[in-house]
N, C-alpha and C. Protein backbone atom coordinates (compact mmCIF):
# COMPACT_ATOMS: atom_id res chain seq x y z
N UNK A 1 -6.19 -17.83 23.89
CA UNK A 1 -6.40 -16.56 23.00
C UNK A 1 -7.59 -16.11 23.94
N UNK A 2 -7.51 -14.92 23.59
CA UNK A 2 -8.79 -14.04 24.32
C UNK A 2 -9.75 -13.69 23.00
N UNK A 3 -10.97 -13.46 23.19
CA UNK A 3 -11.60 -12.40 23.14
C UNK A 3 -11.10 -11.19 21.68
N UNK A 4 -9.97 -10.27 22.57
CA UNK A 4 -9.19 -9.36 21.62
C UNK A 4 -8.36 -10.46 20.65
N UNK A 5 -7.67 -11.18 20.95
CA UNK A 5 -6.84 -11.76 20.32
C UNK A 5 -7.22 -12.55 18.91
N UNK A 6 -8.88 -13.07 19.38
CA UNK A 6 -9.37 -13.77 18.08
C UNK A 6 -10.00 -12.30 16.90
N UNK A 7 -10.40 -11.39 17.69
CA UNK A 7 -10.73 -10.48 16.95
C UNK A 7 -9.59 -9.51 16.14
N UNK A 8 -8.18 -9.23 16.54
CA UNK A 8 -7.12 -9.03 16.00
C UNK A 8 -6.69 -10.10 14.88
N UNK A 9 -6.83 -11.26 15.09
CA UNK A 9 -6.52 -12.37 14.19
C UNK A 9 -7.49 -12.03 12.92
N UNK A 10 -8.54 -12.05 13.12
CA UNK A 10 -9.85 -12.15 12.46
C UNK A 10 -9.47 -11.23 11.28
N UNK A 11 -9.57 -9.72 12.04
CA UNK A 11 -9.22 -8.29 11.32
C UNK A 11 -7.85 -8.18 10.66
N UNK A 12 -6.99 -9.10 10.70
CA UNK A 12 -5.47 -9.09 10.09
C UNK A 12 -5.81 -10.16 9.24
N UNK A 13 -6.61 -11.44 8.95
CA UNK A 13 -6.59 -12.25 7.90
C UNK A 13 -7.56 -11.34 7.04
N UNK A 14 -8.60 -10.73 7.51
CA UNK A 14 -9.48 -9.61 6.94
C UNK A 14 -8.58 -9.07 5.54
N UNK A 15 -7.56 -8.59 6.17
CA UNK A 15 -7.03 -7.69 5.91
C UNK A 15 -6.18 -8.04 4.88
N UNK A 16 -5.65 -9.01 4.74
CA UNK A 16 -4.39 -10.23 4.05
C UNK A 16 -5.22 -10.43 2.74
N UNK A 17 -6.67 -11.31 2.66
CA UNK A 17 -7.67 -10.96 1.59
C UNK A 17 -8.35 -10.60 1.13
N UNK A 18 -8.02 -9.01 1.40
CA UNK A 18 -8.45 -7.93 0.56
C UNK A 18 -7.22 -7.72 -0.49
N UNK A 19 -5.85 -7.70 0.38
CA UNK A 19 -4.61 -7.42 -0.39
C UNK A 19 -4.95 -8.62 -1.58
N UNK A 20 -4.85 -9.43 -0.88
CA UNK A 20 -4.45 -11.04 -2.35
C UNK A 20 -5.47 -10.67 -3.08
N UNK A 21 -7.03 -10.23 -2.74
CA UNK A 21 -8.11 -10.37 -3.94
C UNK A 21 -7.94 -9.18 -5.02
N UNK A 22 -7.19 -8.11 -4.30
CA UNK A 22 -7.20 -7.30 -5.07
C UNK A 22 -8.21 -5.81 -5.05
N UNK A 23 -8.76 -5.92 -3.73
CA UNK A 23 -10.22 -5.58 -3.39
C UNK A 23 -9.37 -4.06 -2.20
N UNK A 24 -8.88 -3.04 -3.60
CA UNK A 24 -8.80 -1.82 -3.07
C UNK A 24 -9.64 -0.77 -2.27
N UNK A 25 -10.67 -0.65 -2.20
CA UNK A 25 -11.70 -0.10 -1.66
C UNK A 25 -12.11 -1.10 -0.36
N UNK A 26 -12.01 -2.43 -0.67
CA UNK A 26 -12.05 -2.75 1.24
C UNK A 26 -10.94 -2.14 1.92
N UNK A 27 -9.82 -2.81 1.02
CA UNK A 27 -7.95 -2.92 2.16
C UNK A 27 -8.04 -0.73 2.25
N UNK A 28 -8.90 0.06 1.76
CA UNK A 28 -8.20 1.54 1.85
C UNK A 28 -9.44 1.71 3.11
N UNK A 29 -10.17 1.20 3.20
CA UNK A 29 -11.32 1.41 4.19
C UNK A 29 -10.95 0.52 5.63
N UNK A 30 -9.93 -0.58 5.53
CA UNK A 30 -9.44 -1.04 6.61
C UNK A 30 -8.45 -0.89 7.00
N UNK A 31 -7.26 -0.15 6.00
CA UNK A 31 -6.40 0.80 6.65
C UNK A 31 -6.65 2.02 7.38
N UNK A 32 -8.20 2.78 6.74
CA UNK A 32 -8.18 3.75 7.78
C UNK A 32 -8.60 3.76 9.25
N UNK A 33 -9.63 2.37 8.86
CA UNK A 33 -9.97 2.13 10.12
C UNK A 33 -9.13 1.74 11.70
N UNK A 34 -7.87 1.49 11.10
CA UNK A 34 -6.49 1.15 11.92
C UNK A 34 -6.21 -0.52 12.13
N UNK A 35 -6.77 -1.73 10.95
CA UNK A 35 -6.69 -3.05 10.86
C UNK A 35 -4.91 -2.49 10.83
N UNK A 36 -4.56 -3.35 11.15
CA UNK A 36 -2.78 -4.36 11.35
C UNK A 36 -2.51 -4.30 10.35
N UNK A 37 -1.81 -3.39 9.44
CA UNK A 37 -1.15 -3.77 7.89
C UNK A 37 0.36 -4.34 8.44
N UNK A 38 0.72 -4.63 9.65
CA UNK A 38 1.45 -5.78 9.45
C UNK A 38 1.50 -6.97 9.64
N UNK A 39 -0.20 -6.98 9.76
CA UNK A 39 -0.19 -8.82 10.37
C UNK A 39 0.19 -9.53 9.04
N UNK A 40 0.87 -11.04 9.78
CA UNK A 40 1.66 -12.16 8.67
C UNK A 40 0.58 -12.90 8.88
N UNK A 41 0.44 -13.73 7.55
CA UNK A 41 -0.31 -14.88 7.55
C UNK A 41 0.83 -15.85 8.45
N UNK A 42 -0.05 -16.69 9.65
CA UNK A 42 0.48 -17.55 10.02
C UNK A 42 0.95 -18.73 9.34
N UNK A 43 0.90 -19.39 7.89
CA UNK A 43 0.96 -20.53 7.05
C UNK A 43 2.01 -19.53 6.21
N UNK A 44 1.83 -19.27 5.13
CA UNK A 44 2.72 -18.13 4.26
C UNK A 44 3.51 -17.34 4.85
N UNK A 45 3.89 -16.63 5.59
CA UNK A 45 4.41 -15.37 6.37
C UNK A 45 4.93 -14.38 5.47
N UNK A 46 3.75 -14.12 4.93
CA UNK A 46 3.40 -12.81 3.85
C UNK A 46 2.80 -12.11 4.80
N UNK A 47 2.90 -10.79 4.44
CA UNK A 47 1.96 -9.61 4.84
C UNK A 47 1.30 -8.87 3.85
N UNK A 48 0.41 -7.91 4.02
CA UNK A 48 -0.30 -7.64 2.68
C UNK A 48 0.87 -7.07 2.04
N UNK A 49 2.05 -6.11 2.21
CA UNK A 49 2.66 -5.15 1.91
C UNK A 49 3.27 -6.09 0.95
N UNK A 50 3.95 -7.69 1.21
CA UNK A 50 4.63 -8.55 0.20
C UNK A 50 3.46 -9.09 -0.92
N UNK A 51 2.35 -9.08 -0.72
CA UNK A 51 1.54 -9.80 -1.34
C UNK A 51 1.43 -8.74 -2.72
N UNK A 52 0.96 -7.77 -2.11
CA UNK A 52 0.85 -5.97 -2.78
C UNK A 52 2.14 -5.80 -3.56
N UNK A 53 3.27 -5.90 -3.36
CA UNK A 53 4.62 -5.95 -3.86
C UNK A 53 4.52 -6.81 -5.04
N UNK A 54 4.54 -8.30 -4.88
CA UNK A 54 4.24 -9.37 -5.73
C UNK A 54 3.17 -9.33 -6.73
N UNK A 55 2.17 -8.42 -6.87
CA UNK A 55 1.06 -8.40 -7.73
C UNK A 55 1.15 -6.98 -8.50
N UNK A 56 1.98 -5.74 -7.99
CA UNK A 56 2.42 -4.73 -8.44
C UNK A 56 1.56 -4.12 -8.89
N UNK A 57 0.35 -4.10 -7.98
CA UNK A 57 -0.97 -3.32 -8.07
C UNK A 57 -0.50 -1.50 -7.25
N UNK A 58 -0.47 -0.50 -8.86
CA UNK A 58 -0.42 0.77 -7.57
C UNK A 58 -1.64 1.07 -7.10
N UNK A 59 -2.76 0.83 -7.53
CA UNK A 59 -4.17 1.23 -6.82
C UNK A 59 -4.16 0.07 -5.74
N UNK A 60 -3.95 -1.26 -5.39
CA UNK A 60 -3.91 -1.67 -4.08
C UNK A 60 -2.47 -0.83 -3.41
N UNK A 61 -1.48 -0.84 -3.43
CA UNK A 61 -0.37 -0.23 -3.11
C UNK A 61 -1.16 1.26 -2.70
N UNK A 62 -1.49 2.02 -3.14
CA UNK A 62 -2.15 3.47 -2.66
C UNK A 62 -3.40 3.06 -1.46
N UNK A 63 -3.90 2.01 -1.70
CA UNK A 63 -4.93 1.93 -0.69
C UNK A 63 -4.41 1.36 0.87
N UNK A 64 -3.21 0.40 0.40
CA UNK A 64 -2.26 -0.11 1.32
C UNK A 64 -1.94 1.05 2.14
N UNK A 65 -0.96 2.57 1.28
CA UNK A 65 -0.26 3.13 2.28
C UNK A 65 -0.95 4.46 3.21
N UNK A 66 -2.47 4.00 2.80
CA UNK A 66 -3.63 4.72 3.92
C UNK A 66 -3.80 3.91 5.58
N UNK A 67 -2.38 3.45 5.23
CA UNK A 67 -2.54 2.36 7.05
C UNK A 67 -1.10 3.13 7.71
N UNK A 68 -1.37 3.40 9.40
CA UNK A 68 -0.58 3.95 10.09
C UNK A 68 0.53 2.70 9.96
N UNK A 69 1.32 3.28 10.85
CA UNK A 69 2.40 2.37 11.05
C UNK A 69 3.08 1.28 10.10
N UNK A 70 3.17 1.20 8.73
CA UNK A 70 3.78 0.48 7.99
C UNK A 70 5.10 0.04 8.67
N UNK A 71 4.95 -1.27 8.57
CA UNK A 71 6.98 -1.25 8.79
C UNK A 71 7.25 -2.02 7.27
N UNK A 72 8.20 -1.31 6.57
CA UNK A 72 8.19 -1.58 5.03
C UNK A 72 9.76 -2.51 5.47
N UNK A 73 9.81 -2.53 6.63
CA UNK A 73 11.12 -3.41 6.27
C UNK A 73 10.99 -5.27 6.90
N UNK A 74 9.49 -4.65 7.20
CA UNK A 74 9.72 -6.42 7.20
C UNK A 74 9.86 -7.60 6.64
N UNK A 75 10.09 -8.53 6.63
CA UNK A 75 10.65 -9.28 5.42
C UNK A 75 9.76 -10.62 5.25
N UNK A 76 9.71 -11.08 4.35
CA UNK A 76 8.35 -12.63 3.82
C UNK A 76 9.26 -13.63 4.42
N UNK A 77 8.96 -14.71 4.23
CA UNK A 77 9.60 -16.23 5.26
C UNK A 77 10.50 -16.41 4.44
N UNK A 78 11.17 -15.78 3.19
CA UNK A 78 12.31 -15.78 2.50
C UNK A 78 13.35 -15.09 3.29
N UNK A 79 12.85 -14.01 4.05
CA UNK A 79 13.89 -13.09 4.13
C UNK A 79 14.34 -11.46 3.05
N UNK A 80 13.24 -11.84 2.52
CA UNK A 80 13.23 -10.59 1.17
C UNK A 80 12.45 -9.46 1.66
N UNK A 81 12.95 -8.52 1.35
CA UNK A 81 11.90 -6.85 1.43
C UNK A 81 11.15 -6.64 0.48
N UNK A 82 10.46 -6.11 0.75
CA UNK A 82 8.66 -5.27 -0.19
C UNK A 82 9.78 -5.36 -1.63
N UNK A 83 10.84 -4.38 -1.81
CA UNK A 83 11.28 -3.90 -2.96
C UNK A 83 11.63 -5.18 -3.66
N UNK A 84 12.54 -6.11 -3.00
CA UNK A 84 12.88 -7.02 -3.58
C UNK A 84 12.06 -7.64 -4.26
N UNK A 85 11.03 -8.28 -3.74
CA UNK A 85 9.57 -9.08 -4.10
C UNK A 85 9.06 -8.48 -5.25
N UNK A 86 9.03 -6.98 -4.88
CA UNK A 86 8.81 -6.16 -6.45
C UNK A 86 9.21 -6.32 -7.82
N UNK A 87 10.46 -6.05 -7.24
CA UNK A 87 11.62 -6.30 -8.27
C UNK A 87 11.67 -7.96 -9.25
N UNK A 88 11.35 -8.63 -8.33
CA UNK A 88 11.45 -9.96 -9.14
C UNK A 88 10.33 -10.48 -9.61
N UNK A 89 9.36 -9.92 -8.86
CA UNK A 89 7.88 -10.45 -9.36
C UNK A 89 7.17 -9.34 -10.73
N UNK A 90 7.35 -8.35 -10.64
CA UNK A 90 6.63 -7.64 -11.69
C UNK A 90 7.43 -6.83 -12.34
N UNK A 91 6.86 -5.80 -12.97
CA UNK A 91 8.12 -4.84 -13.75
C UNK A 91 8.00 -3.07 -13.57
N UNK A 92 7.68 -3.22 -12.32
CA UNK A 92 7.11 -2.01 -11.87
C UNK A 92 7.91 -1.30 -11.20
N UNK A 93 8.97 -0.74 -12.04
CA UNK A 93 10.53 -0.28 -11.55
C UNK A 93 10.18 1.27 -10.59
N UNK A 94 9.20 2.10 -10.70
CA UNK A 94 8.71 2.85 -10.01
C UNK A 94 8.64 2.71 -8.76
N UNK A 95 7.64 1.30 -8.43
CA UNK A 95 6.75 1.27 -7.40
C UNK A 95 8.34 0.53 -6.31
N UNK A 96 9.27 -0.34 -7.16
CA UNK A 96 10.05 -0.82 -6.23
C UNK A 96 11.32 -0.01 -5.97
N UNK A 97 11.26 1.04 -6.69
CA UNK A 97 12.04 2.34 -6.35
C UNK A 97 11.56 3.21 -5.03
N UNK A 98 10.38 3.60 -4.62
CA UNK A 98 9.30 3.92 -3.73
C UNK A 98 9.62 3.07 -2.16
N UNK A 99 9.81 1.63 -2.93
CA UNK A 99 9.83 0.67 -1.61
C UNK A 99 11.05 0.53 -1.30
N UNK A 100 12.23 0.65 -1.93
CA UNK A 100 14.08 1.14 -1.36
C UNK A 100 13.81 2.54 -0.29
N UNK A 101 12.96 3.42 -1.16
CA UNK A 101 13.68 4.85 -0.74
C UNK A 101 12.23 4.73 1.11
N UNK A 102 11.44 4.46 1.08
CA UNK A 102 10.61 3.94 2.32
C UNK A 102 11.62 3.14 2.85
N UNK A 103 11.81 2.42 2.62
CA UNK A 103 12.45 0.95 3.41
C UNK A 103 13.61 1.68 4.27
N UNK A 104 14.95 2.73 3.50
CA UNK A 104 16.27 2.97 3.51
C UNK A 104 15.51 4.46 4.40
N UNK A 105 14.80 5.01 4.38
CA UNK A 105 14.57 5.82 4.99
C UNK A 105 13.96 5.09 6.77
N UNK A 106 13.42 4.02 6.61
CA UNK A 106 12.67 3.77 7.96
C UNK A 106 13.85 2.90 8.44
N UNK A 107 14.64 2.22 7.81
CA UNK A 107 15.92 1.83 8.38
C UNK A 107 16.82 2.83 9.11
N UNK A 108 17.15 3.69 8.81
CA UNK A 108 18.16 5.13 9.18
C UNK A 108 17.32 5.44 10.44
N UNK A 109 15.93 5.84 9.97
CA UNK A 109 15.55 6.24 11.55
C UNK A 109 15.68 5.68 12.84
N UNK A 110 15.63 4.09 11.92
CA UNK A 110 15.84 3.07 13.51
C UNK A 110 17.39 2.43 13.61
N UNK A 111 18.20 3.30 13.22
CA UNK A 111 19.26 3.04 13.52
C UNK A 111 19.90 1.68 12.68
N UNK A 112 19.41 1.33 11.55
CA UNK A 112 19.70 0.18 11.17
C UNK A 112 20.55 0.38 9.98
N UNK A 113 21.95 -0.46 9.31
CA UNK A 113 22.49 -0.34 8.11
C UNK A 113 21.38 -1.07 7.01
N UNK A 114 20.95 -0.03 6.03
CA UNK A 114 19.85 -0.45 5.07
C UNK A 114 20.49 -1.14 4.14
N UNK A 115 21.80 -1.36 3.45
CA UNK A 115 22.89 -1.73 2.95
C UNK A 115 22.40 -3.61 3.16
N UNK A 116 22.44 -3.81 4.44
CA UNK A 116 22.93 -5.42 5.39
C UNK A 116 21.45 -5.83 5.03
N UNK A 117 20.69 -5.11 5.23
CA UNK A 117 19.33 -5.66 5.06
C UNK A 117 18.62 -5.95 3.74
N UNK A 118 19.29 -5.17 2.55
CA UNK A 118 18.44 -5.37 1.42
C UNK A 118 19.35 -6.75 0.72
N UNK A 119 20.85 -7.16 1.35
CA UNK A 119 21.31 -8.02 0.50
C UNK A 119 20.21 -8.99 0.50
N UNK A 120 19.53 -9.49 0.89
CA UNK A 120 18.26 -10.78 0.81
C UNK A 120 17.87 -10.09 -0.79
């Protein structure tokens, strides 16, 4: 692992920690600075999107959306999309619907079958 890999890993872990702690202002700052919003924790298999969907925090979600190149089709370790996690763990139907819309659009733009992806 070279110095660049170490820096990317540390930045990714900092991004995840901000999402998990509910530090919306730090998450927004990291998002705007180009941090990898799709970084996956090496043990839990979650990206920040999954943790935010689980929390249902709109404030965190709004900060997260400032990031570039968000992969809304990234699944957690159990193969679930963020919209499924959101629906299962909090009562924010609006956030879950917004996530489904983003997932569907990203799937269509990539030539993927959203219905097939959303089965889990």
